[in-house]
Amino acid sequence: NTEKCVSCGMCMVSCPFGAIADKSQIFQLIRAMQSGRKIIAQVAPAFVGQFGPDVTPEKLKAALMELGFADVYETAIGADMGCVAEAEHYVKEVASGKQSFALTSCCPSWSVMAKNLFPETIDKISNALTPMVATARVIKEEHPDASVVFIGPCTAKKGEFQLEKARNFVDSVLTFEELQALIDAKEIDLNSLE
């Protein structure tokens, strides 16, 4: 039901037949890399638990560079920026008594769900950029000629990527599963990397 969809991906996980899939951008990414374009990977902090205990941040970065990315940023940069913006908002609005409470989440599915199902909370939901968008904006400021690929654990960011405020900074989105497919296709052994 597209009216209820919040792009959380649970339909894909729940479908017993595997009939529901998200739209992959692997082909477009490979073509962009083959064209010689400067592509920068922006990785969600959740990567730490994604590839096993022996895969360090340095090993993952080496794998991304071997895949053809020009550089790697961690999305925690944008999370820190969002925390600062939300703390300032809290002090000015909530702590001062102008606003009764504030709501926030890095998850775009949560935000869509809250706005659709609880419209009375819309004015309480943070307007700070999500970590994905905030980090991509930093990358675009430092590398205006580069394409930014967000890599994270869930498909919800693919829904967020479709929003105008994200499309200005994020050029494509991959899940960790898709990244693993690229690593496997290139026969990169994450554990053997320096």
C-alpha atoms as a PDB file:
ATOM      1  CA  ASN A   1       0.000   0.000   0.000  1.00  0.00           C
ATOM      2  CA  THR A   2       1.921   3.022  -1.270  1.00  0.00           C
ATOM      3  CA  GLU A   3      -0.135   5.379   0.935  1.00  0.00           C
ATOM      4  CA  LYS A   4       1.204   3.612   4.037  1.00  0.00           C
ATOM      5  CA  CYS A   5       4.735   2.965   2.737  1.00  0.00           C
ATOM      6  CA  VAL A   6       7.538   4.651   4.671  1.00  0.00           C
ATOM      7  CA  SER A   7      10.397   2.924   2.759  1.00  0.00           C
ATOM      8  CA  CYS A   8      11.465   0.892   5.792  1.00  0.00           C
ATOM      9  CA  GLY A   9      12.150  -2.274   3.778  1.00  0.00           C
ATOM     10  CA  MET A  10      10.228  -4.606   6.066  1.00  0.00           C
ATOM     11  CA  CYS A  11       8.090  -5.795   3.139  1.00  0.00           C
ATOM     12  CA  MET A  12      11.239  -7.160   1.477  1.00  0.00           C
ATOM     13  CA  VAL A  13      12.296  -8.920   4.673  1.00  0.00           C
ATOM     14  CA  SER A  14       8.794 -10.276   5.337  1.00  0.00           C
ATOM     15  CA  CYS A  15       7.823 -11.501   1.852  1.00  0.00           C
ATOM     16  CA  PRO A  16       8.114 -15.322   1.974  1.00  0.00           C
ATOM     17  CA  PHE A  17       8.600 -15.471  -1.796  1.00  0.00           C
ATOM     18  CA  GLY A  18      11.314 -12.815  -2.176  1.00  0.00           C
ATOM     19  CA  ALA A  19       9.050 -11.060  -4.647  1.00  0.00           C
ATOM     20  CA  ILE A  20       9.731  -7.550  -3.336  1.00  0.00           C
ATOM     21  CA  ALA A  21      13.083  -5.885  -3.990  1.00  0.00           C
ATOM     22  CA  ASP A  22      14.515  -2.405  -3.823  1.00  0.00           C
ATOM     23  CA  LYS A  23      15.962  -0.649  -6.836  1.00  0.00           C
ATOM     24  CA  SER A  24      19.703  -1.144  -7.001  1.00  0.00           C
ATOM     25  CA  GLN A  25      22.074   1.507  -8.322  1.00  0.00           C
ATOM     26  CA  ILE A  26      25.067  -0.816  -8.653  1.00  0.00           C
ATOM     27  CA  PHE A  27      25.021  -0.695 -12.462  1.00  0.00           C
ATOM     28  CA  GLN A  28      24.966   3.115 -12.521  1.00  0.00           C
ATOM     29  CA  LEU A  29      27.781   3.243  -9.950  1.00  0.00           C
ATOM     30  CA  ILE A  30      29.969   0.873 -11.967  1.00  0.00           C
ATOM     31  CA  ARG A  31      29.362   2.929 -15.114  1.00  0.00           C
ATOM     32  CA  ALA A  32      30.242   6.158 -13.288  1.00  0.00           C
ATOM     33  CA  MET A  33      33.461   4.596 -11.979  1.00  0.00           C
ATOM     34  CA  GLN A  34      34.349   3.319 -15.451  1.00  0.00           C
ATOM     35  CA  SER A  35      33.859   6.821 -16.847  1.00  0.00           C
ATOM     36  CA  GLY A  36      36.628   8.109 -14.589  1.00  0.00           C
ATOM     37  CA  ARG A  37      34.330  10.233 -12.456  1.00  0.00           C
ATOM     38  CA  LYS A  38      35.495  11.034  -8.945  1.00  0.00           C
ATOM     39  CA  ILE A  39      33.256   8.987  -6.643  1.00  0.00           C
ATOM     40  CA  ILE A  40      33.407   9.386  -2.867  1.00  0.00           C
ATOM     41  CA  ALA A  41      31.985   6.776  -0.503  1.00  0.00           C
ATOM     42  CA  GLN A  42      30.104   7.989   2.541  1.00  0.00           C
ATOM     43  CA  VAL A  43      29.745   5.094   4.985  1.00  0.00           C
ATOM     44  CA  ALA A  44      27.255   4.813   7.848  1.00  0.00           C
ATOM     45  CA  PRO A  45      28.865   4.152  11.250  1.00  0.00           C
ATOM     46  CA  ALA A  46      26.985   0.827  11.408  1.00  0.00           C
ATOM     47  CA  PHE A  47      29.685  -0.643   9.152  1.00  0.00           C
ATOM     48  CA  VAL A  48      31.569  -1.557  12.339  1.00  0.00           C
ATOM     49  CA  GLY A  49      29.228  -4.477  13.014  1.00  0.00           C
ATOM     50  CA  GLN A  50      28.512  -5.390   9.428  1.00  0.00           C
ATOM     51  CA  PHE A  51      31.546  -7.196   8.075  1.00  0.00           C
ATOM     52  CA  GLY A  52      32.790  -9.196  11.052  1.00  0.00           C
ATOM     53  CA  PRO A  53      35.004  -8.451  14.049  1.00  0.00           C
ATOM     54  CA  ASP A  54      38.274  -8.628  12.089  1.00  0.00           C
ATOM     55  CA  VAL A  55      37.310  -6.008   9.505  1.00  0.00           C
ATOM     56  CA  THR A  56      38.701  -2.754  10.842  1.00  0.00           C
ATOM     57  CA  PRO A  57      37.772   0.694   9.514  1.00  0.00           C
ATOM     58  CA  GLU A  58      41.159   0.733   7.761  1.00  0.00           C
ATOM     59  CA  LYS A  59      40.428  -2.569   6.002  1.00  0.00           C
ATOM     60  CA  LEU A  60      37.013  -1.394   4.848  1.00  0.00           C
ATOM     61  CA  LYS A  61      38.524   1.847   3.552  1.00  0.00           C
ATOM     62  CA  ALA A  62      41.179  -0.167   1.681  1.00  0.00           C
ATOM     63  CA  ALA A  63      38.437  -2.292   0.116  1.00  0.00           C
ATOM     64  CA  LEU A  64      36.466   0.783  -0.946  1.00  0.00           C
ATOM     65  CA  MET A  65      39.573   2.321  -2.484  1.00  0.00           C
ATOM     66  CA  GLU A  66      40.283  -0.951  -4.299  1.00  0.00           C
ATOM     67  CA  LEU A  67      36.733  -0.885  -5.653  1.00  0.00           C
ATOM     68  CA  GLY A  68      37.503   2.496  -7.213  1.00  0.00           C
ATOM     69  CA  PHE A  69      36.267   5.094  -4.751  1.00  0.00           C
ATOM     70  CA  ALA A  70      38.432   8.222  -4.640  1.00  0.00           C
ATOM     71  CA  ASP A  71      37.953   8.782  -0.914  1.00  0.00           C
ATOM     72  CA  VAL A  72      35.910   7.617   2.079  1.00  0.00           C
ATOM     73  CA  TYR A  73      34.034   9.655   4.698  1.00  0.00           C
ATOM     74  CA  GLU A  74      32.167   8.350   7.728  1.00  0.00           C
ATOM     75  CA  THR A  75      28.631   9.648   8.193  1.00  0.00           C
ATOM     76  CA  ALA A  76      29.219  10.301  11.895  1.00  0.00           C
ATOM     77  CA  ILE A  77      30.453  13.748  10.816  1.00  0.00           C
ATOM     78  CA  GLY A  78      26.893  14.659   9.858  1.00  0.00           C
ATOM     79  CA  ALA A  79      25.479  13.009  12.980  1.00  0.00           C
ATOM     80  CA  ASP A  80      27.646  15.269  15.127  1.00  0.00           C
ATOM     81  CA  MET A  81      26.493  18.302  13.149  1.00  0.00           C
ATOM     82  CA  GLY A  82      22.855  17.277  13.625  1.00  0.00           C
ATOM     83  CA  CYS A  83      23.337  16.796  17.372  1.00  0.00           C
ATOM     84  CA  VAL A  84      24.727  20.304  17.689  1.00  0.00           C
ATOM     85  CA  ALA A  85      21.834  21.804  15.699  1.00  0.00           C
ATOM     86  CA  GLU A  86      19.263  19.863  17.710  1.00  0.00           C
ATOM     87  CA  ALA A  87      20.902  20.788  21.033  1.00  0.00           C
ATOM     88  CA  GLU A  88      20.776  24.462  20.074  1.00  0.00           C
ATOM     89  CA  HIS A  89      17.114  24.092  19.088  1.00  0.00           C
ATOM     90  CA  TYR A  90      16.365  22.324  22.379  1.00  0.00           C
ATOM     91  CA  VAL A  91      17.955  25.083  24.453  1.00  0.00           C
ATOM     92  CA  LYS A  92      16.208  27.881  22.535  1.00  0.00           C
ATOM     93  CA  GLU A  93      12.769  26.271  22.188  1.00  0.00           C
ATOM     94  CA  VAL A  94      12.172  23.423  24.644  1.00  0.00           C
ATOM     95  CA  ALA A  95      14.274  24.385  27.673  1.00  0.00           C
ATOM     96  CA  SER A  96      12.939  27.939  27.439  1.00  0.00           C
ATOM     97  CA  GLY A  97       9.338  26.651  27.478  1.00  0.00           C
ATOM     98  CA  LYS A  98       8.393  27.921  24.002  1.00  0.00           C
ATOM     99  CA  GLN A  99       7.914  24.325  22.793  1.00  0.00           C
ATOM    100  CA  SER A 100       6.688  21.473  25.012  1.00  0.00           C
ATOM    101  CA  PHE A 101       8.917  18.749  23.511  1.00  0.00           C
ATOM    102  CA  ALA A 102      11.018  17.860  20.466  1.00  0.00           C
ATOM    103  CA  LEU A 103      11.214  14.704  18.363  1.00  0.00           C
ATOM    104  CA  THR A 104      14.150  13.495  16.320  1.00  0.00           C
ATOM    105  CA  SER A 105      15.514  10.458  14.521  1.00  0.00           C
ATOM    106  CA  CYS A 106      18.194   9.809  11.902  1.00  0.00           C
ATOM    107  CA  CYS A 107      15.800   7.357  10.255  1.00  0.00           C
ATOM    108  CA  PRO A 108      13.857   8.788   7.304  1.00  0.00           C
ATOM    109  CA  SER A 109      11.221   6.039   7.663  1.00  0.00           C
ATOM    110  CA  TRP A 110      10.510   7.170  11.223  1.00  0.00           C
ATOM    111  CA  SER A 111      10.109  10.758  10.075  1.00  0.00           C
ATOM    112  CA  VAL A 112       7.698   9.853   7.251  1.00  0.00           C
ATOM    113  CA  MET A 113       5.733   7.572   9.591  1.00  0.00           C
ATOM    114  CA  ALA A 114       5.480  10.262  12.272  1.00  0.00           C
ATOM    115  CA  LYS A 115       4.353  12.916   9.800  1.00  0.00           C
ATOM    116  CA  ASN A 116       1.794  10.599   8.137  1.00  0.00           C
ATOM    117  CA  LEU A 117       0.353   8.871  11.202  1.00  0.00           C
ATOM    118  CA  PHE A 118       0.817  11.598  13.829  1.00  0.00           C
ATOM    119  CA  PRO A 119       0.368  14.902  11.955  1.00  0.00           C
ATOM    120  CA  GLU A 120      -0.101  16.726  15.258  1.00  0.00           C
ATOM    121  CA  THR A 121       3.626  16.220  15.912  1.00  0.00           C
ATOM    122  CA  ILE A 122       4.894  17.772  12.671  1.00  0.00           C
ATOM    123  CA  ASP A 123       5.895  21.052  14.302  1.00  0.00           C
ATOM    124  CA  LYS A 124       7.828  19.110  16.982  1.00  0.00           C
ATOM    125  CA  ILE A 125       9.938  17.053  14.543  1.00  0.00           C
ATOM    126  CA  SER A 126      13.495  18.244  14.044  1.00  0.00           C
ATOM    127  CA  ASN A 127      14.291  20.050  10.814  1.00  0.00           C
ATOM    128  CA  ALA A 128      18.022  19.355  11.157  1.00  0.00           C
ATOM    129  CA  LEU A 129      19.580  17.635   8.172  1.00  0.00           C
ATOM    130  CA  THR A 130      19.965  13.891   8.577  1.00  0.00           C
ATOM    131  CA  PRO A 131      23.535  12.630   9.018  1.00  0.00           C
ATOM    132  CA  MET A 132      23.504  11.301   5.436  1.00  0.00           C
ATOM    133  CA  VAL A 133      22.574  14.665   3.927  1.00  0.00           C
ATOM    134  CA  ALA A 134      24.731  16.763   6.280  1.00  0.00           C
ATOM    135  CA  THR A 135      27.826  14.653   5.560  1.00  0.00           C
ATOM    136  CA  ALA A 136      27.156  14.654   1.821  1.00  0.00           C
ATOM    137  CA  ARG A 137      26.900  18.444   1.932  1.00  0.00           C
ATOM    138  CA  VAL A 138      30.342  18.629   3.597  1.00  0.00           C
ATOM    139  CA  ILE A 139      31.760  16.314   0.932  1.00  0.00           C
ATOM    140  CA  LYS A 140      30.251  18.392  -1.901  1.00  0.00           C
ATOM    141  CA  GLU A 141      31.713  21.567  -0.378  1.00  0.00           C
ATOM    142  CA  GLU A 142      35.170  19.974  -0.218  1.00  0.00           C
ATOM    143  CA  HIS A 143      34.862  18.110  -3.563  1.00  0.00           C
ATOM    144  CA  PRO A 144      32.326  19.928  -5.777  1.00  0.00           C
ATOM    145  CA  ASP A 145      33.292  17.815  -8.781  1.00  0.00           C
ATOM    146  CA  ALA A 146      32.692  14.485  -7.027  1.00  0.00           C
ATOM    147  CA  SER A 147      29.706  12.168  -6.854  1.00  0.00           C
ATOM    148  CA  VAL A 148      28.685  11.014  -3.373  1.00  0.00           C
ATOM    149  CA  VAL A 149      27.535   7.454  -2.719  1.00  0.00           C
ATOM    150  CA  PHE A 150      25.969   6.791   0.670  1.00  0.00           C
ATOM    151  CA  ILE A 151      26.516   3.231   1.917  1.00  0.00           C
ATOM    152  CA  GLY A 152      24.443   2.035   4.863  1.00  0.00           C
ATOM    153  CA  PRO A 153      22.559  -0.821   6.466  1.00  0.00           C
ATOM    154  CA  CYS A 154      18.998  -0.282   5.258  1.00  0.00           C
ATOM    155  CA  THR A 155      16.857   0.621   2.289  1.00  0.00           C
ATOM    156  CA  ALA A 156      15.211   3.562   4.079  1.00  0.00           C
ATOM    157  CA  LYS A 157      17.994   5.838   2.842  1.00  0.00           C
ATOM    158  CA  LYS A 158      16.975   4.984  -0.722  1.00  0.00           C
ATOM    159  CA  GLY A 159      13.621   6.561   0.073  1.00  0.00           C
ATOM    160  CA  GLU A 160      15.296   9.598   1.620  1.00  0.00           C
ATOM    161  CA  PHE A 161      17.583   9.875  -1.412  1.00  0.00           C
ATOM    162  CA  GLN A 162      14.498  10.592  -3.524  1.00  0.00           C
ATOM    163  CA  LEU A 163      13.750  13.760  -1.542  1.00  0.00           C
ATOM    164  CA  GLU A 164      14.922  17.027  -3.087  1.00  0.00           C
ATOM    165  CA  LYS A 165      16.980  18.111  -0.061  1.00  0.00           C
ATOM    166  CA  ALA A 166      18.995  14.877  -0.331  1.00  0.00           C
ATOM    167  CA  ARG A 167      19.325  14.718  -4.125  1.00  0.00           C
ATOM    168  CA  ASN A 168      21.208  17.998  -4.135  1.00  0.00           C
ATOM    169  CA  PHE A 169      24.064  16.310  -2.277  1.00  0.00           C
ATOM    170  CA  VAL A 170      23.724  12.501  -2.484  1.00  0.00           C
ATOM    171  CA  ASP A 171      24.146  10.990  -5.947  1.00  0.00           C
ATOM    172  CA  SER A 172      23.280   7.385  -5.107  1.00  0.00           C
ATOM    173  CA  VAL A 173      22.682   4.973  -2.242  1.00  0.00           C
ATOM    174  CA  LEU A 174      23.922   1.419  -1.687  1.00  0.00           C
ATOM    175  CA  THR A 175      23.099  -0.973   1.128  1.00  0.00           C
ATOM    176  CA  PHE A 176      25.831  -2.916   2.897  1.00  0.00           C
ATOM    177  CA  GLU A 177      24.454  -5.987   1.135  1.00  0.00           C
ATOM    178  CA  GLU A 178      25.061  -4.341  -2.242  1.00  0.00           C
ATOM    179  CA  LEU A 179      28.541  -3.275  -1.150  1.00  0.00           C
ATOM    180  CA  GLN A 180      29.275  -6.877  -0.168  1.00  0.00           C
ATOM    181  CA  ALA A 181      28.147  -7.971  -3.638  1.00  0.00           C
ATOM    182  CA  LEU A 182      30.646  -5.531  -5.208  1.00  0.00           C
ATOM    183  CA  ILE A 183      33.411  -6.750  -2.884  1.00  0.00           C
ATOM    184  CA  ASP A 184      32.603 -10.377  -3.765  1.00  0.00           C
ATOM    185  CA  ALA A 185      32.483  -9.628  -7.499  1.00  0.00           C
ATOM    186  CA  LYS A 186      35.961  -8.069  -7.331  1.00  0.00           C
ATOM    187  CA  GLU A 187      37.139 -11.009  -5.188  1.00  0.00           C
ATOM    188  CA  ILE A 188      38.403  -8.712  -2.452  1.00  0.00           C
ATOM    189  CA  ASP A 189      39.234 -10.515   0.789  1.00  0.00           C
ATOM    190  CA  LEU A 190      38.458  -7.990   3.513  1.00  0.00           C
ATOM    191  CA  ASN A 191      40.411  -9.940   6.123  1.00  0.00           C
ATOM    192  CA  SER A 192      43.634  -9.943   4.115  1.00  0.00           C
ATOM    193  CA  LEU A 193      43.722  -6.191   3.460  1.00  0.00           C
ATOM    194  CA  GLU A 194      46.167  -3.917   5.267  1.00  0.00           C
END
